[in-house]
N, C-alpha and C. Protein backbone atom coordinates (compact mmCIF):
# COMPACT_ATOMS: atom_id res chain seq x y z
N MET A 1 78.74 81.39 127.77
CA MET A 1 79.25 80.64 128.89
C MET A 1 80.73 80.35 128.63
N PRO A 2 81.63 80.28 129.50
CA PRO A 2 81.40 80.35 130.93
C PRO A 2 81.43 81.76 131.51
N LEU A 3 81.62 82.80 130.67
CA LEU A 3 81.67 84.16 131.21
C LEU A 3 80.31 84.65 131.68
N ASP A 4 79.23 84.04 131.23
CA ASP A 4 77.87 84.42 131.61
C ASP A 4 77.59 85.89 131.28
N ILE A 5 77.87 86.26 130.03
CA ILE A 5 77.58 87.61 129.56
C ILE A 5 76.61 87.54 128.39
N ASP A 6 75.90 88.63 128.17
CA ASP A 6 74.99 88.73 127.04
C ASP A 6 75.66 89.52 125.92
N ILE A 7 75.47 89.05 124.71
CA ILE A 7 75.99 89.73 123.53
C ILE A 7 74.83 89.98 122.59
N GLU A 8 74.61 91.22 122.23
CA GLU A 8 73.57 91.53 121.25
C GLU A 8 74.17 91.39 119.86
N VAL A 9 73.60 90.49 119.06
CA VAL A 9 74.07 90.27 117.71
C VAL A 9 73.11 91.01 116.77
N LEU A 10 73.65 91.93 116.00
CA LEU A 10 72.83 92.72 115.09
C LEU A 10 72.47 91.91 113.85
N GLU A 11 71.42 92.31 113.17
CA GLU A 11 70.98 91.62 111.96
C GLU A 11 72.12 91.57 110.95
N GLY A 12 72.39 90.38 110.43
CA GLY A 12 73.44 90.19 109.45
C GLY A 12 74.84 90.06 110.01
N GLU A 13 74.99 90.20 111.32
CA GLU A 13 76.28 90.14 111.99
C GLU A 13 76.53 88.73 112.50
N THR A 14 77.77 88.30 112.51
CA THR A 14 78.10 87.00 113.10
C THR A 14 78.32 87.15 114.60
N LEU A 15 78.25 86.04 115.30
CA LEU A 15 78.48 86.06 116.75
C LEU A 15 79.86 86.61 117.07
N MET A 16 80.88 86.17 116.34
CA MET A 16 82.23 86.63 116.63
C MET A 16 82.37 88.13 116.35
N ALA A 17 81.78 88.62 115.29
CA ALA A 17 81.84 90.06 114.98
C ALA A 17 81.15 90.86 116.09
N ALA A 18 80.03 90.36 116.60
CA ALA A 18 79.32 91.05 117.68
C ALA A 18 80.18 91.07 118.94
N ALA A 19 80.83 89.96 119.24
CA ALA A 19 81.69 89.89 120.43
C ALA A 19 82.86 90.86 120.30
N ARG A 20 83.44 90.92 119.14
CA ARG A 20 84.57 91.83 118.93
C ARG A 20 84.12 93.28 118.95
N ARG A 21 82.90 93.54 118.49
CA ARG A 21 82.36 94.91 118.50
C ARG A 21 82.30 95.45 119.92
N ILE A 22 82.04 94.56 120.90
CA ILE A 22 81.99 95.01 122.30
C ILE A 22 83.32 94.74 123.02
N ALA A 23 84.37 94.55 122.23
CA ALA A 23 85.75 94.45 122.71
C ALA A 23 86.10 93.15 123.42
N LEU A 24 85.29 92.10 123.25
CA LEU A 24 85.69 90.80 123.78
C LEU A 24 86.83 90.26 122.91
N ARG A 25 87.76 89.59 123.55
CA ARG A 25 88.85 88.95 122.81
C ARG A 25 88.42 87.52 122.53
N TRP A 26 88.15 87.21 121.25
CA TRP A 26 87.61 85.91 120.84
C TRP A 26 88.70 85.14 120.12
N PRO A 27 88.97 83.90 120.52
CA PRO A 27 90.02 83.11 119.86
C PRO A 27 89.78 82.96 118.36
N SER A 28 90.80 83.22 117.59
CA SER A 28 90.76 83.03 116.14
C SER A 28 92.18 83.10 115.61
N VAL A 29 92.47 82.30 114.61
CA VAL A 29 93.76 82.34 113.94
C VAL A 29 93.58 82.97 112.55
N CYS A 30 92.45 82.66 111.90
CA CYS A 30 92.21 83.13 110.53
C CYS A 30 91.47 84.45 110.48
N ASN A 31 91.21 85.05 111.64
CA ASN A 31 90.54 86.34 111.74
C ASN A 31 89.14 86.33 111.13
N GLY A 32 88.40 85.25 111.35
CA GLY A 32 87.01 85.20 110.93
C GLY A 32 86.75 84.76 109.51
N GLN A 33 87.70 84.07 108.91
CA GLN A 33 87.54 83.61 107.53
C GLN A 33 86.92 82.21 107.43
N GLY A 34 86.69 81.56 108.57
CA GLY A 34 86.07 80.23 108.57
C GLY A 34 87.03 79.10 108.26
N ASN A 35 88.33 79.33 108.42
CA ASN A 35 89.31 78.31 108.07
C ASN A 35 89.94 77.59 109.25
N CYS A 36 90.14 78.28 110.37
CA CYS A 36 90.97 77.70 111.44
C CYS A 36 90.19 76.88 112.47
N THR A 37 88.93 77.12 112.65
CA THR A 37 88.03 76.48 113.62
C THR A 37 88.32 76.87 115.07
N ALA A 38 89.26 77.77 115.32
CA ALA A 38 89.57 78.18 116.70
C ALA A 38 88.40 78.89 117.37
N CYS A 39 87.51 79.46 116.59
CA CYS A 39 86.40 80.25 117.15
C CYS A 39 85.15 79.41 117.45
N TYR A 40 85.22 78.09 117.25
CA TYR A 40 84.01 77.27 117.39
C TYR A 40 83.33 77.45 118.74
N VAL A 41 82.00 77.32 118.72
CA VAL A 41 81.19 77.36 119.93
C VAL A 41 80.31 76.12 119.96
N LYS A 42 79.82 75.79 121.14
CA LYS A 42 78.81 74.74 121.27
C LYS A 42 77.51 75.45 121.63
N VAL A 43 76.50 75.27 120.80
CA VAL A 43 75.19 75.87 121.06
C VAL A 43 74.50 75.01 122.12
N GLU A 44 74.28 75.59 123.28
CA GLU A 44 73.66 74.88 124.40
C GLU A 44 72.14 74.99 124.36
N GLU A 45 71.64 76.14 123.96
CA GLU A 45 70.21 76.39 123.85
C GLU A 45 69.96 77.33 122.69
N GLY A 46 68.81 77.18 122.02
CA GLY A 46 68.42 78.10 120.97
C GLY A 46 68.93 77.76 119.59
N MET A 47 69.20 76.49 119.34
CA MET A 47 69.70 76.08 118.02
C MET A 47 68.75 76.50 116.90
N ASP A 48 67.46 76.60 117.21
CA ASP A 48 66.49 77.04 116.20
C ASP A 48 66.76 78.47 115.75
N ASN A 49 67.51 79.23 116.54
CA ASN A 49 67.82 80.62 116.20
C ASN A 49 69.17 80.77 115.50
N ALA A 50 69.76 79.66 115.12
CA ALA A 50 71.04 79.68 114.40
C ALA A 50 70.75 79.58 112.91
N GLY A 51 71.40 80.42 112.14
CA GLY A 51 71.27 80.30 110.69
C GLY A 51 71.84 78.97 110.24
N THR A 52 71.54 78.60 109.04
CA THR A 52 72.00 77.33 108.49
C THR A 52 73.51 77.37 108.27
N ALA A 53 74.18 76.30 108.65
CA ALA A 53 75.62 76.19 108.43
C ALA A 53 75.88 75.89 106.96
N HIS A 54 76.82 76.61 106.37
CA HIS A 54 77.22 76.34 104.99
C HIS A 54 78.02 75.05 104.94
N PRO A 55 78.00 74.35 103.81
CA PRO A 55 78.75 73.09 103.72
C PRO A 55 80.23 73.24 104.08
N GLN A 56 80.86 74.37 103.73
CA GLN A 56 82.27 74.57 104.06
C GLN A 56 82.48 74.65 105.57
N GLU A 57 81.53 75.25 106.28
CA GLU A 57 81.62 75.32 107.74
C GLU A 57 81.56 73.92 108.34
N ARG A 58 80.59 73.12 107.89
CA ARG A 58 80.46 71.75 108.40
C ARG A 58 81.72 70.96 108.08
N GLU A 59 82.26 71.14 106.89
CA GLU A 59 83.47 70.42 106.49
C GLU A 59 84.64 70.75 107.43
N ARG A 60 84.83 72.03 107.73
CA ARG A 60 85.92 72.44 108.63
C ARG A 60 85.70 71.88 110.04
N LEU A 61 84.46 71.95 110.53
CA LEU A 61 84.16 71.42 111.86
C LEU A 61 84.36 69.91 111.91
N ASN A 62 83.91 69.20 110.89
CA ASN A 62 84.11 67.75 110.83
C ASN A 62 85.59 67.40 110.83
N PHE A 63 86.38 68.15 110.05
CA PHE A 63 87.82 67.93 109.98
C PHE A 63 88.46 68.13 111.35
N ALA A 64 87.93 69.06 112.13
CA ALA A 64 88.45 69.36 113.48
C ALA A 64 87.88 68.42 114.54
N GLY A 65 87.05 67.45 114.13
CA GLY A 65 86.50 66.49 115.08
C GLY A 65 85.24 66.97 115.79
N ARG A 66 84.67 68.07 115.35
CA ARG A 66 83.45 68.63 115.94
C ARG A 66 82.26 68.26 115.05
N ARG A 67 81.91 66.98 115.05
CA ARG A 67 80.88 66.47 114.14
C ARG A 67 79.45 66.71 114.64
N ASP A 68 79.28 66.88 115.93
CA ASP A 68 77.96 67.15 116.50
C ASP A 68 77.42 68.46 115.90
N LEU A 69 76.19 68.47 115.44
CA LEU A 69 75.62 69.65 114.78
C LEU A 69 75.45 70.85 115.71
N SER A 70 75.62 70.65 117.02
CA SER A 70 75.53 71.78 117.94
C SER A 70 76.80 72.62 117.94
N TYR A 71 77.86 72.15 117.29
CA TYR A 71 79.09 72.95 117.15
C TYR A 71 78.96 73.83 115.92
N ARG A 72 79.33 75.09 116.09
CA ARG A 72 79.30 76.05 114.98
C ARG A 72 80.54 76.94 115.07
N LEU A 73 80.91 77.52 113.96
CA LEU A 73 81.98 78.51 113.94
C LEU A 73 81.37 79.86 114.25
N ALA A 74 81.86 80.52 115.29
CA ALA A 74 81.32 81.82 115.69
C ALA A 74 81.49 82.86 114.59
N CYS A 75 82.52 82.70 113.76
CA CYS A 75 82.75 83.66 112.67
C CYS A 75 81.77 83.49 111.53
N GLN A 76 81.02 82.41 111.54
CA GLN A 76 80.03 82.15 110.50
C GLN A 76 78.60 82.15 111.03
N LEU A 77 78.45 82.08 112.34
CA LEU A 77 77.14 81.92 112.98
C LEU A 77 76.36 83.22 113.03
N LYS A 78 75.25 83.25 112.31
CA LYS A 78 74.33 84.39 112.37
C LYS A 78 73.14 83.97 113.22
N VAL A 79 72.74 84.85 114.12
CA VAL A 79 71.76 84.54 115.15
C VAL A 79 70.47 85.31 114.89
N SER A 80 69.33 84.63 115.02
CA SER A 80 68.05 85.30 114.78
C SER A 80 67.19 85.42 116.04
N GLY A 81 67.71 84.99 117.18
CA GLY A 81 66.96 85.06 118.43
C GLY A 81 67.82 84.60 119.58
N PRO A 82 67.22 84.46 120.77
CA PRO A 82 68.00 84.07 121.95
C PRO A 82 68.72 82.73 121.77
N MET A 83 69.92 82.70 122.29
CA MET A 83 70.76 81.51 122.17
C MET A 83 71.76 81.54 123.32
N ARG A 84 72.14 80.36 123.78
CA ARG A 84 73.20 80.25 124.79
C ARG A 84 74.28 79.37 124.21
N VAL A 85 75.51 79.86 124.23
CA VAL A 85 76.63 79.09 123.69
C VAL A 85 77.72 78.97 124.75
N SER A 86 78.54 77.95 124.58
CA SER A 86 79.73 77.76 125.42
C SER A 86 80.96 77.98 124.56
N LYS A 87 81.91 78.74 125.11
CA LYS A 87 83.18 78.95 124.42
C LYS A 87 84.24 79.29 125.44
N ASN A 88 85.21 78.42 125.61
CA ASN A 88 86.35 78.70 126.48
C ASN A 88 87.34 79.58 125.72
N GLY A 89 88.06 80.39 126.47
CA GLY A 89 89.11 81.22 125.87
C GLY A 89 88.70 82.63 125.53
N VAL A 90 87.41 82.97 125.64
CA VAL A 90 86.97 84.33 125.39
C VAL A 90 87.38 85.17 126.60
N LYS A 91 87.94 86.33 126.34
CA LYS A 91 88.42 87.19 127.42
C LYS A 91 87.71 88.54 127.39
N LEU A 92 87.45 89.06 128.58
CA LEU A 92 86.88 90.40 128.71
C LEU A 92 87.94 91.42 128.31
N PRO A 93 87.49 92.61 127.90
CA PRO A 93 88.47 93.64 127.53
C PRO A 93 89.42 93.94 128.68
N GLY A 94 90.67 94.13 128.36
CA GLY A 94 91.67 94.46 129.37
C GLY A 94 91.66 95.95 129.69
N PRO A 95 92.42 96.33 130.70
CA PRO A 95 92.48 97.74 131.10
C PRO A 95 93.13 98.61 130.03
């Protein structure tokens, strides 16, 4: 959301890697290293299908003011089933 598109996340792949694989432009400054928090998403549904957040991920999110456990870094988020997330700033591939 808000683009209302489906992204298939492969086993062992992060949400951001899956989005980039299909050419979505996903906000990031650190290029998926888990440092900048620009890629954060809010899990709206399917939190049970989110892998466990590492302590470093929680620390970065807390530092950025995203203390609610429904916030995750897309560059660290591994998905095991259906999930709906919100992320502003994601862009469809350009021409």
